[in-house]
Amino acid sequence: GSGGGTIDIVTKRMAAQKDDCGFQIEVGNLADVDAALEEWALVMQHTESYERFIRHAVNEVVKARKLRREQKIEEKNRLKELEEAKSREHGSDMTGSGRKSSERLSSGDVD
């Protein structure tokens, strides 16, 4: 009958447990181990994703710092050029009319 089938399954399970070389005693049953490994795989995927995000964020910060440094250098150069232009302008104002000597000559002015 059906009672013999149940005993047969139990006997097969017991035989399989004896044949597992102590796996269940050392590690646990296979379903628990499989579930733990799936959770570990998910943790690893999240870790890899987080690492990619961190690397991307760091790269963006590095790019932004480089751009800001370049902009500061450009701004400093522009201010320096502006100061030089002002000092040249003041220097030519000191010589007289504010025009270069070549401009005075070409316009027909005589000193």
PDB file of N, CA and C in Angstrom:
ATOM      1  N   GLY A   1       0.796  -1.179   0.000  1.00  0.00           N
ATOM      2  CA  GLY A   1       0.000   0.000   0.000  1.00  0.00           C
ATOM      3  C   GLY A   1       0.839   1.242   0.000  1.00  0.00           C
ATOM      4  N   SER A   2       0.155   2.293   0.378  1.00  0.00           N
ATOM      5  CA  SER A   2       0.795   3.605   0.368  1.00  0.00           C
ATOM      6  C   SER A   2       1.749   3.775   1.539  1.00  0.00           C
ATOM      7  N   GLY A   3       1.572   3.050   2.605  1.00  0.00           N
ATOM      8  CA  GLY A   3       2.466   3.116   3.761  1.00  0.00           C
ATOM      9  C   GLY A   3       3.856   2.655   3.400  1.00  0.00           C
ATOM     10  N   GLY A   4       3.961   1.686   2.489  1.00  0.00           N
ATOM     11  CA  GLY A   4       5.268   1.193   2.061  1.00  0.00           C
ATOM     12  C   GLY A   4       6.031   2.236   1.285  1.00  0.00           C
ATOM     13  N   GLY A   5       5.311   3.095   0.543  1.00  0.00           N
ATOM     14  CA  GLY A   5       5.958   4.161  -0.235  1.00  0.00           C
ATOM     15  C   GLY A   5       6.594   5.202   0.659  1.00  0.00           C
ATOM     16  N   THR A   6       5.925   5.537   1.765  1.00  0.00           N
ATOM     17  CA  THR A   6       6.451   6.529   2.705  1.00  0.00           C
ATOM     18  C   THR A   6       7.703   5.998   3.378  1.00  0.00           C
ATOM     19  N   ILE A   7       7.674   4.764   3.760  1.00  0.00           N
ATOM     20  CA  ILE A   7       8.841   4.149   4.399  1.00  0.00           C
ATOM     21  C   ILE A   7      10.003   4.119   3.407  1.00  0.00           C
ATOM     22  N   ASP A   8       9.686   3.861   2.154  1.00  0.00           N
ATOM     23  CA  ASP A   8      10.719   3.811   1.114  1.00  0.00           C
ATOM     24  C   ASP A   8      11.406   5.185   0.959  1.00  0.00           C
ATOM     25  N   ILE A   9      10.625   6.280   1.007  1.00  0.00           N
ATOM     26  CA  ILE A   9      11.180   7.642   0.893  1.00  0.00           C
ATOM     27  C   ILE A   9      12.067   7.933   2.101  1.00  0.00           C
ATOM     28  N   VAL A  10      11.604   7.609   3.281  1.00  0.00           N
ATOM     29  CA  VAL A  10      12.376   7.836   4.504  1.00  0.00           C
ATOM     30  C   VAL A  10      13.679   7.048   4.441  1.00  0.00           C
ATOM     31  N   THR A  11      13.612   5.810   3.973  1.00  0.00           N
ATOM     32  CA  THR A  11      14.812   4.981   3.863  1.00  0.00           C
ATOM     33  C   THR A  11      15.797   5.603   2.872  1.00  0.00           C
ATOM     34  N   LYS A  12      15.272   6.123   1.762  1.00  0.00           N
ATOM     35  CA  LYS A  12      16.146   6.752   0.771  1.00  0.00           C
ATOM     36  C   LYS A  12      16.798   8.014   1.341  1.00  0.00           C
ATOM     37  N   ARG A  13      16.032   8.794   2.101  1.00  0.00           N
ATOM     38  CA  ARG A  13      16.598  10.003   2.717  1.00  0.00           C
ATOM     39  C   ARG A  13      17.699   9.650   3.701  1.00  0.00           C
ATOM     40  N   MET A  14      17.444   8.648   4.496  1.00  0.00           N
ATOM     41  CA  MET A  14      18.456   8.237   5.484  1.00  0.00           C
ATOM     42  C   MET A  14      19.717   7.735   4.785  1.00  0.00           C
ATOM     43  N   ALA A  15      19.518   6.999   3.710  1.00  0.00           N
ATOM     44  CA  ALA A  15      20.671   6.497   2.963  1.00  0.00           C
ATOM     45  C   ALA A  15      21.445   7.662   2.336  1.00  0.00           C
ATOM     46  N   ALA A  16      20.725   8.671   1.829  1.00  0.00           N
ATOM     47  CA  ALA A  16      21.374   9.824   1.218  1.00  0.00           C
ATOM     48  C   ALA A  16      22.149  10.614   2.272  1.00  0.00           C
ATOM     49  N   GLN A  17      21.583  10.731   3.468  1.00  0.00           N
ATOM     50  CA  GLN A  17      22.271  11.452   4.544  1.00  0.00           C
ATOM     51  C   GLN A  17      23.550  10.730   4.952  1.00  0.00           C
ATOM     52  N   LYS A  18      23.495   9.421   4.979  1.00  0.00           N
ATOM     53  CA  LYS A  18      24.699   8.654   5.319  1.00  0.00           C
ATOM     54  C   LYS A  18      25.745   8.789   4.216  1.00  0.00           C
ATOM     55  N   ASP A  19      25.276   8.987   2.990  1.00  0.00           N
ATOM     56  CA  ASP A  19      26.168   9.034   1.832  1.00  0.00           C
ATOM     57  C   ASP A  19      26.720  10.435   1.570  1.00  0.00           C
ATOM     58  N   ASP A  20      26.308  11.455   2.364  1.00  0.00           N
ATOM     59  CA  ASP A  20      26.729  12.831   2.061  1.00  0.00           C
ATOM     60  C   ASP A  20      28.093  13.185   2.646  1.00  0.00           C
ATOM     61  N   CYS A  21      28.797  12.216   3.185  1.00  0.00           N
ATOM     62  CA  CYS A  21      30.151  12.405   3.722  1.00  0.00           C
ATOM     63  C   CYS A  21      30.190  13.458   4.826  1.00  0.00           C
ATOM     64  N   GLY A  22      29.116  13.586   5.586  1.00  0.00           N
ATOM     65  CA  GLY A  22      29.073  14.532   6.693  1.00  0.00           C
ATOM     66  C   GLY A  22      28.776  15.969   6.284  1.00  0.00           C
ATOM     67  N   PHE A  23      28.352  16.184   5.041  1.00  0.00           N
ATOM     68  CA  PHE A  23      28.072  17.527   4.537  1.00  0.00           C
ATOM     69  C   PHE A  23      27.026  18.229   5.388  1.00  0.00           C
ATOM     70  N   GLN A  24      25.927  17.537   5.670  1.00  0.00           N
ATOM     71  CA  GLN A  24      24.831  18.169   6.408  1.00  0.00           C
ATOM     72  C   GLN A  24      25.250  18.507   7.832  1.00  0.00           C
ATOM     73  N   ILE A  25      26.056  17.678   8.441  1.00  0.00           N
ATOM     74  CA  ILE A  25      26.511  17.950   9.799  1.00  0.00           C
ATOM     75  C   ILE A  25      27.444  19.171   9.812  1.00  0.00           C
ATOM     76  N   GLU A  26      28.339  19.270   8.842  1.00  0.00           N
ATOM     77  CA  GLU A  26      29.315  20.355   8.794  1.00  0.00           C
ATOM     78  C   GLU A  26      28.726  21.677   8.297  1.00  0.00           C
ATOM     79  N   VAL A  27      27.891  21.605   7.271  1.00  0.00           N
ATOM     80  CA  VAL A  27      27.440  22.817   6.587  1.00  0.00           C
ATOM     81  C   VAL A  27      25.959  23.099   6.792  1.00  0.00           C
ATOM     82  N   GLY A  28      25.160  22.134   6.827  1.00  0.00           N
ATOM     83  CA  GLY A  28      23.716  22.289   6.922  1.00  0.00           C
ATOM     84  C   GLY A  28      23.071  21.607   5.732  1.00  0.00           C
ATOM     85  N   ASN A  29      21.750  21.665   5.694  1.00  0.00           N
ATOM     86  CA  ASN A  29      21.113  20.982   4.558  1.00  0.00           C
ATOM     87  C   ASN A  29      21.297  21.804   3.288  1.00  0.00           C
ATOM     88  N   LEU A  30      21.176  21.153   2.185  1.00  0.00           N
ATOM     89  CA  LEU A  30      21.479  21.746   0.879  1.00  0.00           C
ATOM     90  C   LEU A  30      20.610  22.960   0.564  1.00  0.00           C
ATOM     91  N   ALA A  31      19.347  22.925   0.939  1.00  0.00           N
ATOM     92  CA  ALA A  31      18.449  24.057   0.663  1.00  0.00           C
ATOM     93  C   ALA A  31      18.915  25.305   1.410  1.00  0.00           C
ATOM     94  N   ASP A  32      19.329  25.145   2.666  1.00  0.00           N
ATOM     95  CA  ASP A  32      19.824  26.297   3.443  1.00  0.00           C
ATOM     96  C   ASP A  32      21.119  26.842   2.850  1.00  0.00           C
ATOM     97  N   VAL A  33      22.002  25.937   2.441  1.00  0.00           N
ATOM     98  CA  VAL A  33      23.265  26.351   1.834  1.00  0.00           C
ATOM     99  C   VAL A  33      22.997  27.092   0.524  1.00  0.00           C
ATOM    100  N   ASP A  34      22.083  26.567  -0.272  1.00  0.00           N
ATOM    101  CA  ASP A  34      21.740  27.204  -1.546  1.00  0.00           C
ATOM    102  C   ASP A  34      21.172  28.603  -1.312  1.00  0.00           C
ATOM    103  N   ALA A  35      20.276  28.737  -0.329  1.00  0.00           N
ATOM    104  CA  ALA A  35      19.687  30.045  -0.019  1.00  0.00           C
ATOM    105  C   ALA A  35      20.767  31.016   0.463  1.00  0.00           C
ATOM    106  N   ALA A  36      21.675  30.541   1.295  1.00  0.00           N
ATOM    107  CA  ALA A  36      22.755  31.406   1.789  1.00  0.00           C
ATOM    108  C   ALA A  36      23.658  31.863   0.643  1.00  0.00           C
ATOM    109  N   LEU A  37      23.945  30.952  -0.283  1.00  0.00           N
ATOM    110  CA  LEU A  37      24.786  31.315  -1.423  1.00  0.00           C
ATOM    111  C   LEU A  37      24.095  32.325  -2.336  1.00  0.00           C
ATOM    112  N   GLU A  38      22.783  32.181  -2.504  1.00  0.00           N
ATOM    113  CA  GLU A  38      22.042  33.154  -3.307  1.00  0.00           C
ATOM    114  C   GLU A  38      22.066  34.531  -2.654  1.00  0.00           C
ATOM    115  N   GLU A  39      21.924  34.570  -1.322  1.00  0.00           N
ATOM    116  CA  GLU A  39      22.001  35.843  -0.612  1.00  0.00           C
ATOM    117  C   GLU A  39      23.397  36.440  -0.752  1.00  0.00           C
ATOM    118  N   TRP A  40      24.419  35.611  -0.647  1.00  0.00           N
ATOM    119  CA  TRP A  40      25.793  36.095  -0.786  1.00  0.00           C
ATOM    120  C   TRP A  40      26.024  36.652  -2.186  1.00  0.00           C
ATOM    121  N   ALA A  41      25.489  35.975  -3.193  1.00  0.00           N
ATOM    122  CA  ALA A  41      25.633  36.463  -4.566  1.00  0.00           C
ATOM    123  C   ALA A  41      24.959  37.828  -4.722  1.00  0.00           C
ATOM    124  N   LEU A  42      23.811  38.003  -4.104  1.00  0.00           N
ATOM    125  CA  LEU A  42      23.115  39.286  -4.160  1.00  0.00           C
ATOM    126  C   LEU A  42      23.926  40.379  -3.461  1.00  0.00           C
ATOM    127  N   VAL A  43      24.510  40.051  -2.312  1.00  0.00           N
ATOM    128  CA  VAL A  43      25.359  41.005  -1.602  1.00  0.00           C
ATOM    129  C   VAL A  43      26.540  41.407  -2.482  1.00  0.00           C
ATOM    130  N   MET A  44      27.144  40.452  -3.155  1.00  0.00           N
ATOM    131  CA  MET A  44      28.282  40.740  -4.034  1.00  0.00           C
ATOM    132  C   MET A  44      27.861  41.647  -5.198  1.00  0.00           C
ATOM    133  N   GLN A  45      26.681  41.378  -5.772  1.00  0.00           N
ATOM    134  CA  GLN A  45      26.196  42.226  -6.862  1.00  0.00           C
ATOM    135  C   GLN A  45      25.993  43.663  -6.390  1.00  0.00           C
ATOM    136  N   HIS A  46      25.405  43.809  -5.212  1.00  0.00           N
ATOM    137  CA  HIS A  46      25.192  45.153  -4.671  1.00  0.00           C
ATOM    138  C   HIS A  46      26.524  45.834  -4.380  1.00  0.00           C
ATOM    139  N   THR A  47      27.475  45.075  -3.869  1.00  0.00           N
ATOM    140  CA  THR A  47      28.797  45.630  -3.574  1.00  0.00           C
ATOM    141  C   THR A  47      29.485  46.105  -4.849  1.00  0.00           C
ATOM    142  N   GLU A  48      29.421  45.301  -5.892  1.00  0.00           N
ATOM    143  CA  GLU A  48      30.030  45.680  -7.171  1.00  0.00           C
ATOM    144  C   GLU A  48      29.353  46.912  -7.746  1.00  0.00           C
ATOM    145  N   SER A  49      28.040  46.967  -7.643  1.00  0.00           N
ATOM    146  CA  SER A  49      27.302  48.126  -8.141  1.00  0.00           C
ATOM    147  C   SER A  49      27.683  49.378  -7.354  1.00  0.00           C
ATOM    148  N   TYR A  50      27.778  49.257  -6.047  1.00  0.00           N
ATOM    149  CA  TYR A  50      28.159  50.383  -5.201  1.00  0.00           C
ATOM    150  C   TYR A  50      29.584  50.827  -5.520  1.00  0.00           C
ATOM    151  N   GLU A  51      30.468  49.872  -5.753  1.00  0.00           N
ATOM    152  CA  GLU A  51      31.851  50.210  -6.097  1.00  0.00           C
ATOM    153  C   GLU A  51      31.908  50.988  -7.420  1.00  0.00           C
ATOM    154  N   ARG A  52      31.129  50.545  -8.408  1.00  0.00           N
ATOM    155  CA  ARG A  52      31.085  51.274  -9.683  1.00  0.00           C
ATOM    156  C   ARG A  52      30.577  52.695  -9.473  1.00  0.00           C
ATOM    157  N   PHE A  53      29.545  52.845  -8.626  1.00  0.00           N
ATOM    158  CA  PHE A  53      28.996  54.169  -8.335  1.00  0.00           C
ATOM    159  C   PHE A  53      30.048  55.060  -7.676  1.00  0.00           C
ATOM    160  N   ILE A  54      30.768  54.515  -6.692  1.00  0.00           N
ATOM    161  CA  ILE A  54      31.798  55.283  -5.982  1.00  0.00           C
ATOM    162  C   ILE A  54      32.902  55.697  -6.950  1.00  0.00           C
ATOM    163  N   ARG A  55      33.342  54.764  -7.798  1.00  0.00           N
ATOM    164  CA  ARG A  55      34.389  55.095  -8.778  1.00  0.00           C
ATOM    165  C   ARG A  55      33.928  56.218  -9.708  1.00  0.00           C
ATOM    166  N   HIS A  56      32.680  56.130 -10.168  1.00  0.00           N
ATOM    167  CA  HIS A  56      32.126  57.160 -11.055  1.00  0.00           C
ATOM    168  C   HIS A  56      32.082  58.506 -10.327  1.00  0.00           C
ATOM    169  N   ALA A  57      31.608  58.499  -9.082  1.00  0.00           N
ATOM    170  CA  ALA A  57      31.510  59.745  -8.313  1.00  0.00           C
ATOM    171  C   ALA A  57      32.896  60.359  -8.111  1.00  0.00           C
ATOM    172  N   VAL A  58      33.874  59.540  -7.787  1.00  0.00           N
ATOM    173  CA  VAL A  58      35.242  60.040  -7.585  1.00  0.00           C
ATOM    174  C   VAL A  58      35.780  60.635  -8.883  1.00  0.00           C
ATOM    175  N   ASN A  59      35.561  59.948  -9.997  1.00  0.00           N
ATOM    176  CA  ASN A  59      36.018  60.468 -11.293  1.00  0.00           C
ATOM    177  C   ASN A  59      35.377  61.807 -11.613  1.00  0.00           C
ATOM    178  N   GLU A  60      34.096  61.956 -11.301  1.00  0.00           N
ATOM    179  CA  GLU A  60      33.400  63.220 -11.560  1.00  0.00           C
ATOM    180  C   GLU A  60      33.953  64.334 -10.680  1.00  0.00           C
ATOM    181  N   VAL A  61      34.267  64.017  -9.427  1.00  0.00           N
ATOM    182  CA  VAL A  61      34.852  65.019  -8.530  1.00  0.00           C
ATOM    183  C   VAL A  61      36.222  65.443  -9.048  1.00  0.00           C
ATOM    184  N   VAL A  62      37.013  64.489  -9.506  1.00  0.00           N
ATOM    185  CA  VAL A  62      38.336  64.798 -10.054  1.00  0.00           C
ATOM    186  C   VAL A  62      38.199  65.701 -11.279  1.00  0.00           C
ATOM    187  N   LYS A  63      37.252  65.369 -12.167  1.00  0.00           N
ATOM    188  CA  LYS A  63      37.025  66.206 -13.356  1.00  0.00           C
ATOM    189  C   LYS A  63      36.621  67.626 -12.961  1.00  0.00           C
ATOM    190  N   ALA A  64      35.722  67.733 -11.976  1.00  0.00           N
ATOM    191  CA  ALA A  64      35.241  69.049 -11.539  1.00  0.00           C
ATOM    192  C   ALA A  64      36.377  69.865 -10.943  1.00  0.00           C
ATOM    193  N   ARG A  65      37.230  69.233 -10.146  1.00  0.00           N
ATOM    194  CA  ARG A  65      38.371  69.953  -9.558  1.00  0.00           C
ATOM    195  C   ARG A  65      39.322  70.430 -10.649  1.00  0.00           C
ATOM    196  N   LYS A  66      39.571  69.573 -11.632  1.00  0.00           N
ATOM    197  CA  LYS A  66      40.468  69.938 -12.728  1.00  0.00           C
ATOM    198  C   LYS A  66      39.884  71.126 -13.508  1.00  0.00           C
ATOM    199  N   LEU A  67      38.592  71.054 -13.800  1.00  0.00           N
ATOM    200  CA  LEU A  67      37.932  72.140 -14.529  1.00  0.00           C
ATOM    201  C   LEU A  67      37.986  73.435 -13.730  1.00  0.00           C
ATOM    202  N   ARG A  68      37.717  73.349 -12.428  1.00  0.00           N
ATOM    203  CA  ARG A  68      37.746  74.542 -11.580  1.00  0.00           C
ATOM    204  C   ARG A  68      39.162  75.131 -11.540  1.00  0.00           C
ATOM    205  N   ARG A  69      40.179  74.271 -11.449  1.00  0.00           N
ATOM    206  CA  ARG A  69      41.572  74.741 -11.444  1.00  0.00           C
ATOM    207  C   ARG A  69      41.896  75.457 -12.757  1.00  0.00           C
ATOM    208  N   GLU A  70      41.470  74.849 -13.882  1.00  0.00           N
ATOM    209  CA  GLU A  70      41.709  75.472 -15.189  1.00  0.00           C
ATOM    210  C   GLU A  70      40.994  76.817 -15.301  1.00  0.00           C
ATOM    211  N   GLN A  71      39.772  76.888 -14.777  1.00  0.00           N
ATOM    212  CA  GLN A  71      39.026  78.150 -14.822  1.00  0.00           C
ATOM    213  C   GLN A  71      39.694  79.222 -13.981  1.00  0.00           C
ATOM    214  N   LYS A  72      40.227  78.826 -12.818  1.00  0.00           N
ATOM    215  CA  LYS A  72      40.927  79.797 -11.975  1.00  0.00           C
ATOM    216  C   LYS A  72      42.176  80.320 -12.680  1.00  0.00           C
ATOM    217  N   ILE A  73      42.906  79.427 -13.335  1.00  0.00           N
ATOM    218  CA  ILE A  73      44.107  79.829 -14.064  1.00  0.00           C
ATOM    219  C   ILE A  73      43.733  80.786 -15.196  1.00  0.00           C
ATOM    220  N   GLU A  74      42.676  80.443 -15.945  1.00  0.00           N
ATOM    221  CA  GLU A  74      42.221  81.322 -17.030  1.00  0.00           C
ATOM    222  C   GLU A  74      41.805  82.683 -16.489  1.00  0.00           C
ATOM    223  N   GLU A  75      41.082  82.692 -15.383  1.00  0.00           N
ATOM    224  CA  GLU A  75      40.640  83.952 -14.786  1.00  0.00           C
ATOM    225  C   GLU A  75      41.843  84.773 -14.337  1.00  0.00           C
ATOM    226  N   LYS A  76      42.823  84.117 -13.723  1.00  0.00           N
ATOM    227  CA  LYS A  76      44.034  84.815 -13.288  1.00  0.00           C
ATOM    228  C   LYS A  76      44.765  85.410 -14.489  1.00  0.00           C
ATOM    229  N   ASN A  77      44.844  84.633 -15.584  1.00  0.00           N
ATOM    230  CA  ASN A  77      45.500  85.130 -16.794  1.00  0.00           C
ATOM    231  C   ASN A  77      44.748  86.317 -17.394  1.00  0.00           C
ATOM    232  N   ARG A  78      43.412  86.242 -17.396  1.00  0.00           N
ATOM    233  CA  ARG A  78      42.617  87.365 -17.912  1.00  0.00           C
ATOM    234  C   ARG A  78      42.829  88.622 -17.090  1.00  0.00           C
ATOM    235  N   LEU A  79      42.848  88.464 -15.763  1.00  0.00           N
ATOM    236  CA  LEU A  79      43.069  89.626 -14.901  1.00  0.00           C
ATOM    237  C   LEU A  79      44.464  90.202 -15.117  1.00  0.00           C
ATOM    238  N   LYS A  80      45.438  89.320 -15.284  1.00  0.00           N
ATOM    239  CA  LYS A  80      46.808  89.770 -15.531  1.00  0.00           C
ATOM    240  C   LYS A  80      46.879  90.551 -16.847  1.00  0.00           C
ATOM    241  N   GLU A  81      46.236  90.012 -17.898  1.00  0.00           N
ATOM    242  CA  GLU A  81      46.215  90.705 -19.189  1.00  0.00           C
ATOM    243  C   GLU A  81      45.507  92.050 -19.081  1.00  0.00           C
ATOM    244  N   LEU A  82      44.438  92.096 -18.315  1.00  0.00           N
ATOM    245  CA  LEU A  82      43.698  93.344 -18.118  1.00  0.00           C
ATOM    246  C   LEU A  82      44.564  94.370 -17.397  1.00  0.00           C
ATOM    247  N   GLU A  83      45.271  93.929 -16.361  1.00  0.00           N
ATOM    248  CA  GLU A  83      46.176  94.826 -15.638  1.00  0.00           C
ATOM    249  C   GLU A  83      47.286  95.333 -16.558  1.00  0.00           C
ATOM    250  N   GLU A  84      47.837  94.436 -17.371  1.00  0.00           N
ATOM    251  CA  GLU A  84      48.890  94.838 -18.314  1.00  0.00           C
ATOM    252  C   GLU A  84      48.351  95.854 -19.323  1.00  0.00           C
ATOM    253  N   ALA A  85      47.140  95.617 -19.800  1.00  0.00           N
ATOM    254  CA  ALA A  85      46.531  96.549 -20.758  1.00  0.00           C
ATOM    255  C   ALA A  85      46.299  97.907 -20.105  1.00  0.00           C
ATOM    256  N   LYS A  86      45.861  97.906 -18.852  1.00  0.00           N
ATOM    257  CA  LYS A  86      45.634  99.167 -18.143  1.00  0.00           C
ATOM    258  C   LYS A  86      46.951  99.896 -17.933  1.00  0.00           C
ATOM    259  N   SER A  87      47.998  99.157 -17.560  1.00  0.00           N
ATOM    260  CA  SER A  87      49.280  99.814 -17.314  1.00  0.00           C
ATOM    261  C   SER A  87      49.867 100.361 -18.615  1.00  0.00           C
ATOM    262  N   ARG A  88      49.654  99.644 -19.721  1.00  0.00           N
ATOM    263  CA  ARG A  88      50.105 100.166 -21.021  1.00  0.00           C
ATOM    264  C   ARG A  88      49.326 101.421 -21.380  1.00  0.00           C
ATOM    265  N   GLU A  89      48.041 101.396 -21.081  1.00  0.00           N
ATOM    266  CA  GLU A  89      47.185 102.546 -21.378  1.00  0.00           C
ATOM    267  C   GLU A  89      47.626 103.754 -20.562  1.00  0.00           C
ATOM    268  N   HIS A  90      47.907 103.533 -19.284  1.00  0.00           N
ATOM    269  CA  HIS A  90      48.368 104.623 -18.421  1.00  0.00           C
ATOM    270  C   HIS A  90      49.732 105.104 -18.874  1.00  0.00           C
ATOM    271  N   GLY A  91      50.571 104.200 -19.325  1.00  0.00           N
ATOM    272  CA  GLY A  91      51.892 104.570 -19.805  1.00  0.00           C
ATOM    273  C   GLY A  91      51.812 105.453 -21.034  1.00  0.00           C
ATOM    274  N   SER A  92      50.906 105.175 -21.937  1.00  0.00           N
ATOM    275  CA  SER A  92      50.770 105.990 -23.147  1.00  0.00           C
ATOM    276  C   SER A  92      50.100 107.314 -22.826  1.00  0.00           C
ATOM    277  N   ASP A  93      49.270 107.354 -21.783  1.00  0.00           N
ATOM    278  CA  ASP A  93      48.663 108.616 -21.362  1.00  0.00           C
ATOM    279  C   ASP A  93      49.724 109.561 -20.820  1.00  0.00           C
ATOM    280  N   MET A  94      50.739 109.023 -20.208  1.00  0.00           N
ATOM    281  CA  MET A  94      51.802 109.833 -19.634  1.00  0.00           C
ATOM    282  C   MET A  94      52.631 110.515 -20.720  1.00  0.00           C
ATOM    283  N   THR A  95      52.718 109.950 -21.922  1.00  0.00           N
ATOM    284  CA  THR A  95      53.577 110.499 -22.979  1.00  0.00           C
ATOM    285  C   THR A  95      52.937 111.674 -23.680  1.00  0.00           C
ATOM    286  N   GLY A  96      51.693 111.926 -23.453  1.00  0.00           N
ATOM    287  CA  GLY A  96      51.101 113.088 -24.118  1.00  0.00           C
ATOM    288  C   GLY A  96      49.672 112.839 -24.509  1.00  0.00           C
ATOM    289  N   SER A  97      49.419 112.740 -25.785  1.00  0.00           N
ATOM    290  CA  SER A  97      48.058 112.695 -26.298  1.00  0.00           C
ATOM    291  C   SER A  97      47.382 111.352 -26.099  1.00  0.00           C
ATOM    292  N   GLY A  98      48.119 110.331 -25.761  1.00  0.00           N
ATOM    293  CA  GLY A  98      47.515 109.030 -25.584  1.00  0.00           C
ATOM    294  C   GLY A  98      47.578 108.195 -26.827  1.00  0.00           C
ATOM    295  N   ARG A  99      48.033 108.810 -27.932  1.00  0.00           N
ATOM    296  CA  ARG A  99      48.177 108.037 -29.162  1.00  0.00           C
ATOM    297  C   ARG A  99      49.622 107.604 -29.302  1.00  0.00           C
ATOM    298  N   LYS A 100      49.834 106.495 -29.961  1.00  0.00           N
ATOM    299  CA  LYS A 100      51.193 106.038 -30.233  1.00  0.00           C
ATOM    300  C   LYS A 100      51.848 106.993 -31.209  1.00  0.00           C
ATOM    301  N   SER A 101      53.184 107.036 -31.185  1.00  0.00           N
ATOM    302  CA  SER A 101      53.889 107.949 -32.078  1.00  0.00           C
ATOM    303  C   SER A 101      53.595 107.616 -33.533  1.00  0.00           C
ATOM    304  N   SER A 102      53.416 106.355 -33.859  1.00  0.00           N
ATOM    305  CA  SER A 102      53.108 105.998 -35.242  1.00  0.00           C
ATOM    306  C   SER A 102      51.731 106.523 -35.633  1.00  0.00           C
ATOM    307  N   GLU A 103      50.804 106.571 -34.677  1.00  0.00           N
ATOM    308  CA  GLU A 103      49.479 107.102 -34.969  1.00  0.00           C
ATOM    309  C   GLU A 103      49.562 108.603 -35.207  1.00  0.00           C
ATOM    310  N   ARG A 104      50.386 109.289 -34.427  1.00  0.00           N
ATOM    311  CA  ARG A 104      50.528 110.742 -34.600  1.00  0.00           C
ATOM    312  C   ARG A 104      51.124 111.048 -35.965  1.00  0.00           C
ATOM    313  N   LEU A 105      52.134 110.251 -36.358  1.00  0.00           N
ATOM    314  CA  LEU A 105      52.770 110.507 -37.631  1.00  0.00           C
ATOM    315  C   LEU A 105      51.828 110.222 -38.801  1.00  0.00           C
ATOM    316  N   SER A 106      51.075 109.150 -38.680  1.00  0.00           N
ATOM    317  CA  SER A 106      50.203 108.800 -39.801  1.00  0.00           C
ATOM    318  C   SER A 106      49.041 109.753 -39.935  1.00  0.00           C
ATOM    319  N   SER A 107      48.661 110.434 -38.841  1.00  0.00           N
ATOM    320  CA  SER A 107      47.527 111.345 -38.933  1.00  0.00           C
ATOM    321  C   SER A 107      47.962 112.745 -39.372  1.00  0.00           C
ATOM    322  N   GLY A 108      49.274 112.920 -39.473  1.00  0.00           N
ATOM    323  CA  GLY A 108      49.757 114.201 -39.977  1.00  0.00           C
ATOM    324  C   GLY A 108      50.072 115.193 -38.885  1.00  0.00           C
ATOM    325  N   ASP A 109      49.949 114.846 -37.626  1.00  0.00           N
ATOM    326  CA  ASP A 109      50.287 115.751 -36.526  1.00  0.00           C
ATOM    327  C   ASP A 109      51.790 115.912 -36.459  1.00  0.00           C
ATOM    328  N   VAL A 110      52.212 117.122 -36.152  1.00  0.00           N
ATOM    329  CA  VAL A 110      53.640 117.380 -35.984  1.00  0.00           C
ATOM    330  C   VAL A 110      53.846 117.859 -34.563  1.00  0.00           C
ATOM    331  N   ASP A 111      54.821 117.290 -33.889  1.00  0.00           N
ATOM    332  CA  ASP A 111      55.120 117.697 -32.511  1.00  0.00           C
ATOM    333  C   ASP A 111      56.008 118.891 -32.471  1.00  0.00           C
TER     334      ASP A 111
END
